[in-house]
C-alpha cells in the first residue's frame, strides 16, 4: 500500500461518515548496527589535535674479533636511524540538527502516548544517524583503501573448481609471510614480523558465502581461519577503487557509490550509497565497486578511529515554540598506520 495520504476511509454503511484511525505507532528501532566501529576506536582529546605514531627499524650486526682495533674503540657512536613518524590528525567535525515542538506538531497525533513515542524516536535518531555515519564511513574506507607497497596488494586466480581451497591457501600463505621477518608488509619497509593473533580479516560477504555455502575446505578448519569468516564481514558494495578524477554517473548507475556523506541534487547519500543516475561528481569523493576484492588482512590496530568529543545541546526558540537539538562530534581523517600490514587480496 502507498504512503498514507491523509484520506480516511468512507464508512461502508454511512457513506458520509469516515472510519477513524485506530492507533499510531512510530518505528525507530530498525538500526541493528553491529560493533564493527568499536573495534577501531581509540581515545581522543579536546586538548591538541594530533596523535604521532613512531616506527623504528631494526639495527644491524657486524663481525666481531676480540682485541681487534675496531672492537677496542669504545668511544665510537652507533646512533640508530631516525624513526619514521606518522601523524593522525583530529580534523573532521560534523553536526546533526533536529527541530521538535510540543504544540502544533502534537495536533497530528491521537493521544499523548503516540506523540511522546514520536518525540522519543526522533531524539533517538540523533544517535542512530551518527551510528550510520560512523559505520558507513569506516566500512567504505577499509573497503577502498589500498597500498601497493611491497606485497600488500595480492591476487589469486580462481578457476571455478576448488576455489574455496585456493582462497584458503592464498590466505594461509600470506599469514606465513607476514609472521616471518620481512620488509614487504608495511609502507615504511621496516623489518617487521606480525603474529597471526595480532591480525584481523575484513571479508567481502560474497566470498564468505561462497566459501561457507559451497565447499568449506579443511585448511580453514586446520588453521582456525574458519572463525575469521564470521568476525568482520562487509557487503560487496563497500569494496572498490576510489575515483581519482571527476566524472558523471551513467544513465543507469549500478557501480559508482559515494565515499562521503553528501547531497547530490535532492538525494542525500551516506558513504556507500549509490549516486543518482547521470550525476556529476568530483575527484576522490566516490568509488567504483570492485567485486573482485576478497578480503583485507590487517593489524587489529591499523586503522585508528579517534573520538575528540561528542556533545548534545539544545536551544528553545521562545518565538515559534520549538526546540533545536544538536549532536556535534569530531574524528580524525582516516588512514591506515604505515607501520602495520594492510593487505588487499583480490580475485585475479
C-alpha atoms as a PDB file:
ATOM      1  CA  UNK A   1       0.000   0.000   0.000  1.00  0.00           C
ATOM      2  CA  UNK A   2       1.220   3.502  -0.811  1.00  0.00           C
ATOM      3  CA  UNK A   3       2.098   6.050   1.865  1.00  0.00           C
ATOM      4  CA  UNK A   4      -0.927   7.306   3.766  1.00  0.00           C
ATOM      5  CA  UNK A   5      -2.212  10.442   2.062  1.00  0.00           C
ATOM      6  CA  UNK A   6      -4.426  11.602   4.918  1.00  0.00           C
ATOM      7  CA  UNK A   7      -7.634  10.351   3.287  1.00  0.00           C
ATOM      8  CA  UNK A   8      -9.878   8.472   5.720  1.00  0.00           C
ATOM      9  CA  UNK A   9     -11.981   5.543   4.520  1.00  0.00           C
ATOM     10  CA  UNK A  10     -15.677   6.132   3.931  1.00  0.00           C
ATOM     11  CA  UNK A  11     -17.852   4.014   6.216  1.00  0.00           C
ATOM     12  CA  UNK A  12     -19.452   1.031   4.498  1.00  0.00           C
ATOM     13  CA  UNK A  13     -22.917   1.832   5.893  1.00  0.00           C
ATOM     14  CA  UNK A  14     -22.936   5.591   6.314  1.00  0.00           C
ATOM     15  CA  UNK A  15     -21.022   6.964   3.348  1.00  0.00           C
ATOM     16  CA  UNK A  16     -20.972  10.482   4.795  1.00  0.00           C
ATOM     17  CA  UNK A  17     -19.074   9.287   7.877  1.00  0.00           C
ATOM     18  CA  UNK A  18     -15.408   8.275   7.759  1.00  0.00           C
ATOM     19  CA  UNK A  19     -13.804   5.451   9.696  1.00  0.00           C
ATOM     20  CA  UNK A  20     -11.436   6.625  12.418  1.00  0.00           C
ATOM     21  CA  UNK A  21      -7.713   5.867  12.813  1.00  0.00           C
ATOM     22  CA  UNK A  22      -7.293   3.005  15.314  1.00  0.00           C
ATOM     23  CA  UNK A  23      -3.795   3.838  16.528  1.00  0.00           C
ATOM     24  CA  UNK A  24      -0.461   5.380  15.579  1.00  0.00           C
ATOM     25  CA  UNK A  25       2.833   3.536  16.065  1.00  0.00           C
ATOM     26  CA  UNK A  26       6.218   5.088  15.371  1.00  0.00           C
ATOM     27  CA  UNK A  27       9.077   2.781  14.370  1.00  0.00           C
ATOM     28  CA  UNK A  28      12.637   3.806  15.090  1.00  0.00           C
ATOM     29  CA  UNK A  29      14.425   0.622  16.143  1.00  0.00           C
ATOM     30  CA  UNK A  30      15.410  -0.540  12.666  1.00  0.00           C
ATOM     31  CA  UNK A  31      19.138   0.219  13.004  1.00  0.00           C
ATOM     32  CA  UNK A  32      20.718  -3.039  14.137  1.00  0.00           C
ATOM     33  CA  UNK A  33      24.307  -1.945  13.543  1.00  0.00           C
ATOM     34  CA  UNK A  34      26.992  -4.287  14.867  1.00  0.00           C
ATOM     35  CA  UNK A  35      30.082  -3.302  16.871  1.00  0.00           C
ATOM     36  CA  UNK A  36      32.346  -3.081  13.816  1.00  0.00           C
ATOM     37  CA  UNK A  37      33.269   0.545  14.559  1.00  0.00           C
ATOM     38  CA  UNK A  38      34.031  -0.180  18.213  1.00  0.00           C
ATOM     39  CA  UNK A  39      36.908  -2.444  17.167  1.00  0.00           C
ATOM     40  CA  UNK A  40      38.753   0.558  15.729  1.00  0.00           C
ATOM     41  CA  UNK A  41      38.012   3.173  18.413  1.00  0.00           C
ATOM     42  CA  UNK A  42      40.932   4.970  20.021  1.00  0.00           C
ATOM     43  CA  UNK A  43      40.777   7.706  22.617  1.00  0.00           C
ATOM     44  CA  UNK A  44      40.938  11.293  21.529  1.00  0.00           C
ATOM     45  CA  UNK A  45      41.077  14.531  23.477  1.00  0.00           C
ATOM     46  CA  UNK A  46      39.809  18.088  23.371  1.00  0.00           C
ATOM     47  CA  UNK A  47      43.417  19.169  24.014  1.00  0.00           C
ATOM     48  CA  UNK A  48      45.634  19.044  20.950  1.00  0.00           C
ATOM     49  CA  UNK A  49      44.679  17.515  17.628  1.00  0.00           C
ATOM     50  CA  UNK A  50      47.389  15.027  16.657  1.00  0.00           C
ATOM     51  CA  UNK A  51      48.457  11.501  17.536  1.00  0.00           C
ATOM     52  CA  UNK A  52      52.008  10.630  16.496  1.00  0.00           C
ATOM     53  CA  UNK A  53      52.978   7.062  15.658  1.00  0.00           C
ATOM     54  CA  UNK A  54      56.714   6.331  15.540  1.00  0.00           C
ATOM     55  CA  UNK A  55      58.076   3.400  13.573  1.00  0.00           C
ATOM     56  CA  UNK A  56      61.655   2.336  14.378  1.00  0.00           C
ATOM     57  CA  UNK A  57      63.599  -0.090  12.188  1.00  0.00           C
ATOM     58  CA  UNK A  58      65.823  -2.895  13.435  1.00  0.00           C
ATOM     59  CA  UNK A  59      69.547  -2.375  13.980  1.00  0.00           C
ATOM     60  CA  UNK A  60      72.396  -4.340  12.375  1.00  0.00           C
ATOM     61  CA  UNK A  61      75.231  -6.564  13.488  1.00  0.00           C
ATOM     62  CA  UNK A  62      78.858  -6.809  12.370  1.00  0.00           C
ATOM     63  CA  UNK A  63      81.756  -9.229  12.610  1.00  0.00           C
ATOM     64  CA  UNK A  64      83.473  -9.306  15.994  1.00  0.00           C
ATOM     65  CA  UNK A  65      87.031 -10.310  16.777  1.00  0.00           C
ATOM     66  CA  UNK A  66      88.365  -9.986  20.307  1.00  0.00           C
ATOM     67  CA  UNK A  67      91.145  -7.408  20.711  1.00  0.00           C
ATOM     68  CA  UNK A  68      90.714  -6.046  17.157  1.00  0.00           C
ATOM     69  CA  UNK A  69      91.308  -2.335  16.675  1.00  0.00           C
ATOM     70  CA  UNK A  70      87.647  -1.719  15.865  1.00  0.00           C
ATOM     71  CA  UNK A  71      86.313  -3.584  18.863  1.00  0.00           C
ATOM     72  CA  UNK A  72      88.610  -1.701  21.273  1.00  0.00           C
ATOM     73  CA  UNK A  73      87.155   1.689  20.200  1.00  0.00           C
ATOM     74  CA  UNK A  74      84.616   2.274  22.985  1.00  0.00           C
ATOM     75  CA  UNK A  75      84.038   5.924  22.056  1.00  0.00           C
ATOM     76  CA  UNK A  76      82.639   5.261  18.585  1.00  0.00           C
ATOM     77  CA  UNK A  77      78.947   6.257  18.313  1.00  0.00           C
ATOM     78  CA  UNK A  78      76.311   3.959  16.869  1.00  0.00           C
ATOM     79  CA  UNK A  79      73.211   6.117  16.535  1.00  0.00           C
ATOM     80  CA  UNK A  80      70.083   4.439  15.213  1.00  0.00           C
ATOM     81  CA  UNK A  81      68.348   5.786  12.132  1.00  0.00           C
ATOM     82  CA  UNK A  82      65.640   8.326  12.877  1.00  0.00           C
ATOM     83  CA  UNK A  83      62.272   6.570  13.196  1.00  0.00           C
ATOM     84  CA  UNK A  84      59.515   7.149  10.684  1.00  0.00           C
ATOM     85  CA  UNK A  85      56.691   9.282  12.068  1.00  0.00           C
ATOM     86  CA  UNK A  86      53.051   9.288  11.004  1.00  0.00           C
ATOM     87  CA  UNK A  87      50.593  11.925  12.223  1.00  0.00           C
ATOM     88  CA  UNK A  88      46.884  11.180  12.652  1.00  0.00           C
ATOM     89  CA  UNK A  89      45.008  14.470  12.955  1.00  0.00           C
ATOM     90  CA  UNK A  90      41.661  15.234  14.525  1.00  0.00           C
ATOM     91  CA  UNK A  91      40.323  17.492  11.808  1.00  0.00           C
ATOM     92  CA  UNK A  92      36.814  16.370  10.876  1.00  0.00           C
ATOM     93  CA  UNK A  93      33.797  17.778  12.723  1.00  0.00           C
ATOM     94  CA  UNK A  94      30.132  17.140  11.995  1.00  0.00           C
ATOM     95  CA  UNK A  95      26.750  18.030  13.408  1.00  0.00           C
ATOM     96  CA  UNK A  96      23.252  16.580  13.227  1.00  0.00           C
ATOM     97  CA  UNK A  97      20.344  19.007  13.773  1.00  0.00           C
ATOM     98  CA  UNK A  98      16.725  18.268  14.687  1.00  0.00           C
ATOM     99  CA  UNK A  99      13.801  20.588  15.450  1.00  0.00           C
ATOM    100  CA  UNK A 100      10.848  19.430  17.556  1.00  0.00           C
ATOM    101  CA  UNK A 101       7.967  21.194  19.276  1.00  0.00           C
ATOM    102  CA  UNK A 102       5.321  20.440  21.898  1.00  0.00           C
ATOM    103  CA  UNK A 103       2.481  22.416  20.385  1.00  0.00           C
ATOM    104  CA  UNK A 104       1.475  22.434  16.708  1.00  0.00           C
ATOM    105  CA  UNK A 105       3.018  19.027  15.912  1.00  0.00           C
ATOM    106  CA  UNK A 106       1.037  17.495  18.767  1.00  0.00           C
ATOM    107  CA  UNK A 107      -2.149  18.072  16.761  1.00  0.00           C
ATOM    108  CA  UNK A 108      -1.074  15.340  14.316  1.00  0.00           C
ATOM    109  CA  UNK A 109      -1.298  12.635  16.980  1.00  0.00           C
ATOM    110  CA  UNK A 110      -4.287  10.919  18.539  1.00  0.00           C
ATOM    111  CA  UNK A 111      -3.029  10.979  22.134  1.00  0.00           C
ATOM    112  CA  UNK A 112      -0.123  11.879  24.384  1.00  0.00           C
ATOM    113  CA  UNK A 113       1.336   8.370  24.197  1.00  0.00           C
ATOM    114  CA  UNK A 114       1.706   8.387  20.404  1.00  0.00           C
ATOM    115  CA  UNK A 115       3.146  11.904  20.458  1.00  0.00           C
ATOM    116  CA  UNK A 116       5.667  11.028  23.183  1.00  0.00           C
ATOM    117  CA  UNK A 117       6.667   7.933  21.225  1.00  0.00           C
ATOM    118  CA  UNK A 118       7.270  10.058  18.131  1.00  0.00           C
ATOM    119  CA  UNK A 119       9.450  12.551  20.016  1.00  0.00           C
ATOM    120  CA  UNK A 120      11.406   9.764  21.680  1.00  0.00           C
ATOM    121  CA  UNK A 121      12.072   8.053  18.374  1.00  0.00           C
ATOM    122  CA  UNK A 122      13.174  11.265  16.689  1.00  0.00           C
ATOM    123  CA  UNK A 123      15.540  12.171  19.529  1.00  0.00           C
ATOM    124  CA  UNK A 124      16.957   8.647  19.337  1.00  0.00           C
ATOM    125  CA  UNK A 125      17.625   9.215  15.657  1.00  0.00           C
ATOM    126  CA  UNK A 126      20.369  11.673  16.579  1.00  0.00           C
ATOM    127  CA  UNK A 127      22.495   8.810  17.900  1.00  0.00           C
ATOM    128  CA  UNK A 128      21.107   6.437  15.269  1.00  0.00           C
ATOM    129  CA  UNK A 129      22.197   8.750  12.464  1.00  0.00           C
ATOM    130  CA  UNK A 130      25.672   9.099  13.961  1.00  0.00           C
ATOM    131  CA  UNK A 131      25.946   5.302  14.194  1.00  0.00           C
ATOM    132  CA  UNK A 132      25.077   5.036  10.481  1.00  0.00           C
ATOM    133  CA  UNK A 133      27.654   7.700   9.583  1.00  0.00           C
ATOM    134  CA  UNK A 134      30.381   6.064  11.690  1.00  0.00           C
ATOM    135  CA  UNK A 135      29.722   2.609  10.256  1.00  0.00           C
ATOM    136  CA  UNK A 136      29.447   3.595   6.606  1.00  0.00           C
ATOM    137  CA  UNK A 137      32.431   5.962   6.797  1.00  0.00           C
ATOM    138  CA  UNK A 138      34.693   3.296   8.282  1.00  0.00           C
ATOM    139  CA  UNK A 139      33.351   0.487   6.069  1.00  0.00           C
ATOM    140  CA  UNK A 140      33.887   2.406   2.841  1.00  0.00           C
ATOM    141  CA  UNK A 141      37.362   3.493   3.941  1.00  0.00           C
ATOM    142  CA  UNK A 142      38.525  -0.040   4.718  1.00  0.00           C
ATOM    143  CA  UNK A 143      36.858  -1.390   1.599  1.00  0.00           C
ATOM    144  CA  UNK A 144      38.519   1.134  -0.717  1.00  0.00           C
ATOM    145  CA  UNK A 145      41.864   1.868   0.957  1.00  0.00           C
ATOM    146  CA  UNK A 146      44.736   0.086  -0.751  1.00  0.00           C
ATOM    147  CA  UNK A 147      48.527   0.180  -0.701  1.00  0.00           C
ATOM    148  CA  UNK A 148      50.838  -1.225  -3.348  1.00  0.00           C
ATOM    149  CA  UNK A 149      53.992  -1.068  -1.210  1.00  0.00           C
ATOM    150  CA  UNK A 150      55.807  -4.404  -1.011  1.00  0.00           C
ATOM    151  CA  UNK A 151      53.442  -7.375  -1.217  1.00  0.00           C
ATOM    152  CA  UNK A 152      50.366  -5.741   0.260  1.00  0.00           C
ATOM    153  CA  UNK A 153      48.309  -5.927  -2.932  1.00  0.00           C
ATOM    154  CA  UNK A 154      47.902  -9.563  -3.982  1.00  0.00           C
ATOM    155  CA  UNK A 155      45.699 -11.552  -6.331  1.00  0.00           C
ATOM    156  CA  UNK A 156      44.653 -15.172  -6.544  1.00  0.00           C
ATOM    157  CA  UNK A 157      43.450 -16.960  -9.670  1.00  0.00           C
ATOM    158  CA  UNK A 158      40.111 -18.717  -9.298  1.00  0.00           C
ATOM    159  CA  UNK A 159      39.150 -21.362 -11.833  1.00  0.00           C
ATOM    160  CA  UNK A 160      35.681 -22.303 -10.686  1.00  0.00           C
ATOM    161  CA  UNK A 161      36.968 -25.580  -9.296  1.00  0.00           C
ATOM    162  CA  UNK A 162      38.137 -25.877  -5.675  1.00  0.00           C
ATOM    163  CA  UNK A 163      38.097 -22.089  -5.390  1.00  0.00           C
ATOM    164  CA  UNK A 164      37.480 -22.208  -1.649  1.00  0.00           C
ATOM    165  CA  UNK A 165      40.657 -24.225  -1.161  1.00  0.00           C
ATOM    166  CA  UNK A 166      42.531 -21.830  -3.431  1.00  0.00           C
ATOM    167  CA  UNK A 167      41.437 -18.830  -1.366  1.00  0.00           C
ATOM    168  CA  UNK A 168      42.295 -20.630   1.855  1.00  0.00           C
ATOM    169  CA  UNK A 169      45.753 -21.499   0.578  1.00  0.00           C
ATOM    170  CA  UNK A 170      46.396 -17.897  -0.519  1.00  0.00           C
ATOM    171  CA  UNK A 171      45.345 -16.576   2.883  1.00  0.00           C
ATOM    172  CA  UNK A 172      47.464 -19.150   4.707  1.00  0.00           C
ATOM    173  CA  UNK A 173      50.499 -18.254   2.561  1.00  0.00           C
ATOM    174  CA  UNK A 174      50.064 -14.559   3.397  1.00  0.00           C
ATOM    175  CA  UNK A 175      49.856 -15.306   7.113  1.00  0.00           C
ATOM    176  CA  UNK A 176      53.089 -17.297   6.965  1.00  0.00           C
ATOM    177  CA  UNK A 177      54.803 -14.489   5.038  1.00  0.00           C
ATOM    178  CA  UNK A 178      53.636 -11.775   7.452  1.00  0.00           C
ATOM    179  CA  UNK A 179      54.838 -13.586  10.573  1.00  0.00           C
ATOM    180  CA  UNK A 180      58.397 -14.034   9.298  1.00  0.00           C
ATOM    181  CA  UNK A 181      60.819 -11.059   9.497  1.00  0.00           C
ATOM    182  CA  UNK A 182      60.231  -9.055   6.314  1.00  0.00           C
ATOM    183  CA  UNK A 183      60.103  -5.519   4.926  1.00  0.00           C
ATOM    184  CA  UNK A 184      57.335  -6.339   2.454  1.00  0.00           C
ATOM    185  CA  UNK A 185      54.267  -5.916   4.647  1.00  0.00           C
ATOM    186  CA  UNK A 186      54.363  -2.308   5.828  1.00  0.00           C
ATOM    187  CA  UNK A 187      54.503   1.006   3.995  1.00  0.00           C
ATOM    188  CA  UNK A 188      57.723   2.148   5.696  1.00  0.00           C
ATOM    189  CA  UNK A 189      59.539  -1.019   4.564  1.00  0.00           C
ATOM    190  CA  UNK A 190      60.816  -1.521   8.101  1.00  0.00           C
ATOM    191  CA  UNK A 191      61.671  -5.012   9.325  1.00  0.00           C
ATOM    192  CA  UNK A 192      58.553  -6.471  10.879  1.00  0.00           C
ATOM    193  CA  UNK A 193      57.156  -9.861  11.884  1.00  0.00           C
ATOM    194  CA  UNK A 194      53.497  -9.942  12.919  1.00  0.00           C
ATOM    195  CA  UNK A 195      51.866 -12.911  14.639  1.00  0.00           C
ATOM    196  CA  UNK A 196      48.541 -14.050  13.146  1.00  0.00           C
ATOM    197  CA  UNK A 197      46.881 -13.407  16.521  1.00  0.00           C
ATOM    198  CA  UNK A 198      47.518  -9.672  16.009  1.00  0.00           C
ATOM    199  CA  UNK A 199      45.824  -9.641  12.604  1.00  0.00           C
ATOM    200  CA  UNK A 200      42.187  -9.305  11.610  1.00  0.00           C
ATOM    201  CA  UNK A 201      40.264 -10.091   8.434  1.00  0.00           C
ATOM    202  CA  UNK A 202      37.591  -7.932   6.843  1.00  0.00           C
ATOM    203  CA  UNK A 203      35.819 -10.165   4.345  1.00  0.00           C
ATOM    204  CA  UNK A 204      33.687  -9.453   1.317  1.00  0.00           C
ATOM    205  CA  UNK A 205      30.452 -11.294   2.097  1.00  0.00           C
ATOM    206  CA  UNK A 206      30.295 -12.522  -1.498  1.00  0.00           C
ATOM    207  CA  UNK A 207      33.315 -14.736  -0.912  1.00  0.00           C
ATOM    208  CA  UNK A 208      32.397 -15.688   2.653  1.00  0.00           C
ATOM    209  CA  UNK A 209      29.088 -17.051   1.380  1.00  0.00           C
ATOM    210  CA  UNK A 210      30.863 -18.789  -1.486  1.00  0.00           C
ATOM    211  CA  UNK A 211      33.304 -20.493   0.872  1.00  0.00           C
ATOM    212  CA  UNK A 212      30.847 -21.474   3.582  1.00  0.00           C
ATOM    213  CA  UNK A 213      27.897 -22.456   1.396  1.00  0.00           C
ATOM    214  CA  UNK A 214      29.691 -24.404  -1.315  1.00  0.00           C
ATOM    215  CA  UNK A 215      32.865 -26.054  -0.149  1.00  0.00           C
ATOM    216  CA  UNK A 216      34.379 -25.191   3.221  1.00  0.00           C
ATOM    217  CA  UNK A 217      37.941 -26.504   2.943  1.00  0.00           C
ATOM    218  CA  UNK A 218      39.787 -28.454   5.597  1.00  0.00           C
ATOM    219  CA  UNK A 219      42.594 -25.890   5.656  1.00  0.00           C
ATOM    220  CA  UNK A 220      40.259 -23.257   7.127  1.00  0.00           C
ATOM    221  CA  UNK A 221      39.463 -25.624   9.985  1.00  0.00           C
ATOM    222  CA  UNK A 222      43.076 -26.661  10.459  1.00  0.00           C
ATOM    223  CA  UNK A 223      44.425 -23.130  10.745  1.00  0.00           C
ATOM    224  CA  UNK A 224      41.493 -21.729  12.675  1.00  0.00           C
ATOM    225  CA  UNK A 225      40.664 -19.477   9.763  1.00  0.00           C
ATOM    226  CA  UNK A 226      37.043 -20.579   9.683  1.00  0.00           C
ATOM    227  CA  UNK A 227      36.424 -18.457  12.779  1.00  0.00           C
ATOM    228  CA  UNK A 228      37.658 -15.376  10.937  1.00  0.00           C
ATOM    229  CA  UNK A 229      34.961 -15.773   8.296  1.00  0.00           C
ATOM    230  CA  UNK A 230      32.288 -14.588  10.705  1.00  0.00           C
ATOM    231  CA  UNK A 231      34.272 -11.922  12.556  1.00  0.00           C
ATOM    232  CA  UNK A 232      34.148  -8.931  10.215  1.00  0.00           C
ATOM    233  CA  UNK A 233      32.051  -9.232   7.084  1.00  0.00           C
ATOM    234  CA  UNK A 234      31.019  -6.320   4.860  1.00  0.00           C
ATOM    235  CA  UNK A 235      28.620  -6.386   1.903  1.00  0.00           C
ATOM    236  CA  UNK A 236      30.262  -6.336  -1.558  1.00  0.00           C
ATOM    237  CA  UNK A 237      29.189  -2.748  -2.246  1.00  0.00           C
ATOM    238  CA  UNK A 238      31.673  -1.398   0.313  1.00  0.00           C
ATOM    239  CA  UNK A 239      34.687  -2.699  -1.628  1.00  0.00           C
ATOM    240  CA  UNK A 240      36.044  -0.779  -4.592  1.00  0.00           C
ATOM    241  CA  UNK A 241      38.531   1.665  -6.065  1.00  0.00           C
ATOM    242  CA  UNK A 242      38.444   5.398  -5.395  1.00  0.00           C
ATOM    243  CA  UNK A 243      37.700   7.539  -8.454  1.00  0.00           C
ATOM    244  CA  UNK A 244      40.676   9.912  -8.548  1.00  0.00           C
ATOM    245  CA  UNK A 245      39.163  12.022 -11.345  1.00  0.00           C
ATOM    246  CA  UNK A 246      35.834  13.802 -11.635  1.00  0.00           C
ATOM    247  CA  UNK A 247      33.112  12.341 -13.806  1.00  0.00           C
ATOM    248  CA  UNK A 248      29.407  11.671 -14.310  1.00  0.00           C
ATOM    249  CA  UNK A 249      27.462   8.553 -13.451  1.00  0.00           C
ATOM    250  CA  UNK A 250      25.784   6.511 -16.155  1.00  0.00           C
ATOM    251  CA  UNK A 251      22.112   6.935 -17.033  1.00  0.00           C
ATOM    252  CA  UNK A 252      21.549   3.713 -15.095  1.00  0.00           C
ATOM    253  CA  UNK A 253      24.191   3.790 -12.374  1.00  0.00           C
ATOM    254  CA  UNK A 254      24.912   0.500 -10.605  1.00  0.00           C
ATOM    255  CA  UNK A 255      28.586   0.793  -9.659  1.00  0.00           C
ATOM    256  CA  UNK A 256      29.558   4.311  -8.538  1.00  0.00           C
ATOM    257  CA  UNK A 257      28.965   4.984  -4.851  1.00  0.00           C
ATOM    258  CA  UNK A 258      29.640   7.896  -2.546  1.00  0.00           C
ATOM    259  CA  UNK A 259      32.775   7.863  -0.408  1.00  0.00           C
ATOM    260  CA  UNK A 260      31.472  10.675   1.797  1.00  0.00           C
ATOM    261  CA  UNK A 261      28.162  11.956   3.144  1.00  0.00           C
ATOM    262  CA  UNK A 262      26.903  14.436   0.578  1.00  0.00           C
ATOM    263  CA  UNK A 263      23.820  15.781  -1.170  1.00  0.00           C
ATOM    264  CA  UNK A 264      23.583  15.052  -4.893  1.00  0.00           C
ATOM    265  CA  UNK A 265      20.706  17.215  -6.024  1.00  0.00           C
ATOM    266  CA  UNK A 266      17.718  16.169  -3.934  1.00  0.00           C
ATOM    267  CA  UNK A 267      19.303  12.849  -2.969  1.00  0.00           C
ATOM    268  CA  UNK A 268      21.209  12.612   0.306  1.00  0.00           C
ATOM    269  CA  UNK A 269      23.921   9.951   0.150  1.00  0.00           C
ATOM    270  CA  UNK A 270      25.711   8.349   3.062  1.00  0.00           C
ATOM    271  CA  UNK A 271      29.069   6.681   2.385  1.00  0.00           C
ATOM    272  CA  UNK A 272      28.416   3.541   0.358  1.00  0.00           C
ATOM    273  CA  UNK A 273      25.165   4.768  -1.208  1.00  0.00           C
ATOM    274  CA  UNK A 274      24.703   4.671  -4.981  1.00  0.00           C
ATOM    275  CA  UNK A 275      24.857   8.061  -6.647  1.00  0.00           C
ATOM    276  CA  UNK A 276      21.769   9.064  -8.647  1.00  0.00           C
ATOM    277  CA  UNK A 277      21.784   8.432 -12.390  1.00  0.00           C
ATOM    278  CA  UNK A 278      23.535  10.974 -14.647  1.00  0.00           C
ATOM    279  CA  UNK A 279      25.062  12.829 -11.696  1.00  0.00           C
ATOM    280  CA  UNK A 280      28.345  14.734 -11.754  1.00  0.00           C
ATOM    281  CA  UNK A 281      30.870  14.042  -9.008  1.00  0.00           C
ATOM    282  CA  UNK A 282      34.276  15.441  -8.054  1.00  0.00           C
ATOM    283  CA  UNK A 283      37.581  13.612  -7.693  1.00  0.00           C
ATOM    284  CA  UNK A 284      38.185  11.456  -4.607  1.00  0.00           C
ATOM    285  CA  UNK A 285      34.595  11.673  -3.357  1.00  0.00           C
ATOM    286  CA  UNK A 286      33.273   8.475  -4.943  1.00  0.00           C
ATOM    287  CA  UNK A 287      34.415   4.955  -5.711  1.00  0.00           C
ATOM    288  CA  UNK A 288      33.629   2.250  -8.227  1.00  0.00           C
ATOM    289  CA  UNK A 289      32.579  -1.084  -6.755  1.00  0.00           C
ATOM    290  CA  UNK A 290      35.094  -3.882  -7.304  1.00  0.00           C
ATOM    291  CA  UNK A 291      33.555  -7.265  -6.579  1.00  0.00           C
ATOM    292  CA  UNK A 292      36.917  -8.969  -7.096  1.00  0.00           C
ATOM    293  CA  UNK A 293      38.176  -7.872  -3.663  1.00  0.00           C
ATOM    294  CA  UNK A 294      38.068 -10.973  -1.463  1.00  0.00           C
ATOM    295  CA  UNK A 295      39.270  -9.608   1.863  1.00  0.00           C
ATOM    296  CA  UNK A 296      41.536  -7.232   3.729  1.00  0.00           C
ATOM    297  CA  UNK A 297      44.190  -8.649   6.056  1.00  0.00           C
ATOM    298  CA  UNK A 298      45.448  -6.066   8.516  1.00  0.00           C
ATOM    299  CA  UNK A 299      46.635  -5.466  12.061  1.00  0.00           C
ATOM    300  CA  UNK A 300      43.865  -5.085  14.607  1.00  0.00           C
ATOM    301  CA  UNK A 301      45.030  -1.555  15.434  1.00  0.00           C
ATOM    302  CA  UNK A 302      45.931  -0.459  11.916  1.00  0.00           C
ATOM    303  CA  UNK A 303      43.025   1.987  11.364  1.00  0.00           C
ATOM    304  CA  UNK A 304      42.610   4.306  14.384  1.00  0.00           C
ATOM    305  CA  UNK A 305      39.136   5.855  14.614  1.00  0.00           C
ATOM    306  CA  UNK A 306      39.626   8.678  17.078  1.00  0.00           C
ATOM    307  CA  UNK A 307      36.874  10.422  19.015  1.00  0.00           C
ATOM    308  CA  UNK A 308      37.578  14.014  20.048  1.00  0.00           C
ATOM    309  CA  UNK A 309      34.304  14.824  21.734  1.00  0.00           C
ATOM    310  CA  UNK A 310      30.601  14.164  21.422  1.00  0.00           C
ATOM    311  CA  UNK A 311      28.132  16.623  22.858  1.00  0.00           C
ATOM    312  CA  UNK A 312      24.369  17.026  22.668  1.00  0.00           C
ATOM    313  CA  UNK A 313      22.908  20.515  23.021  1.00  0.00           C
ATOM    314  CA  UNK A 314      19.508  22.164  22.608  1.00  0.00           C
ATOM    315  CA  UNK A 315      18.047  25.631  22.175  1.00  0.00           C
ATOM    316  CA  UNK A 316      14.444  26.671  22.826  1.00  0.00           C
ATOM    317  CA  UNK A 317      13.082  29.272  20.424  1.00  0.00           C
ATOM    318  CA  UNK A 318      10.561  31.215  22.511  1.00  0.00           C
ATOM    319  CA  UNK A 319       9.074  32.910  19.471  1.00  0.00           C
ATOM    320  CA  UNK A 320       7.949  29.841  17.488  1.00  0.00           C
ATOM    321  CA  UNK A 321       7.809  27.451  20.481  1.00  0.00           C
ATOM    322  CA  UNK A 322      10.209  24.916  19.001  1.00  0.00           C
ATOM    323  CA  UNK A 323      13.416  23.355  20.293  1.00  0.00           C
ATOM    324  CA  UNK A 324      16.515  22.771  18.189  1.00  0.00           C
ATOM    325  CA  UNK A 325      18.528  19.724  19.208  1.00  0.00           C
ATOM    326  CA  UNK A 326      22.127  19.255  18.062  1.00  0.00           C
ATOM    327  CA  UNK A 327      24.592  16.389  18.230  1.00  0.00           C
ATOM    328  CA  UNK A 328      28.156  17.520  17.474  1.00  0.00           C
ATOM    329  CA  UNK A 329      31.294  15.383  17.347  1.00  0.00           C
ATOM    330  CA  UNK A 330      34.802  15.178  15.914  1.00  0.00           C
ATOM    331  CA  UNK A 331      37.045  12.485  14.498  1.00  0.00           C
ATOM    332  CA  UNK A 332      40.291  12.101  12.584  1.00  0.00           C
ATOM    333  CA  UNK A 333      40.793  11.818   8.847  1.00  0.00           C
ATOM    334  CA  UNK A 334      41.045   8.100   8.198  1.00  0.00           C
ATOM    335  CA  UNK A 335      44.244   6.405   7.099  1.00  0.00           C
ATOM    336  CA  UNK A 336      45.899   3.118   7.918  1.00  0.00           C
ATOM    337  CA  UNK A 337      49.051   3.092  10.013  1.00  0.00           C
ATOM    338  CA  UNK A 338      52.016   2.665   7.703  1.00  0.00           C
ATOM    339  CA  UNK A 339      53.888   0.578  10.262  1.00  0.00           C
ATOM    340  CA  UNK A 340      51.213  -2.142  10.094  1.00  0.00           C
ATOM    341  CA  UNK A 341      50.242  -4.683   7.418  1.00  0.00           C
ATOM    342  CA  UNK A 342      47.298  -3.704   5.228  1.00  0.00           C
ATOM    343  CA  UNK A 343      46.910  -6.410   2.592  1.00  0.00           C
ATOM    344  CA  UNK A 344      44.253  -6.469  -0.104  1.00  0.00           C
ATOM    345  CA  UNK A 345      43.581  -9.918  -1.544  1.00  0.00           C
ATOM    346  CA  UNK A 346      41.607  -9.886  -4.808  1.00  0.00           C
ATOM    347  CA  UNK A 347      40.494 -12.287  -7.471  1.00  0.00           C
ATOM    348  CA  UNK A 348      42.836 -12.032 -10.458  1.00  0.00           C
END
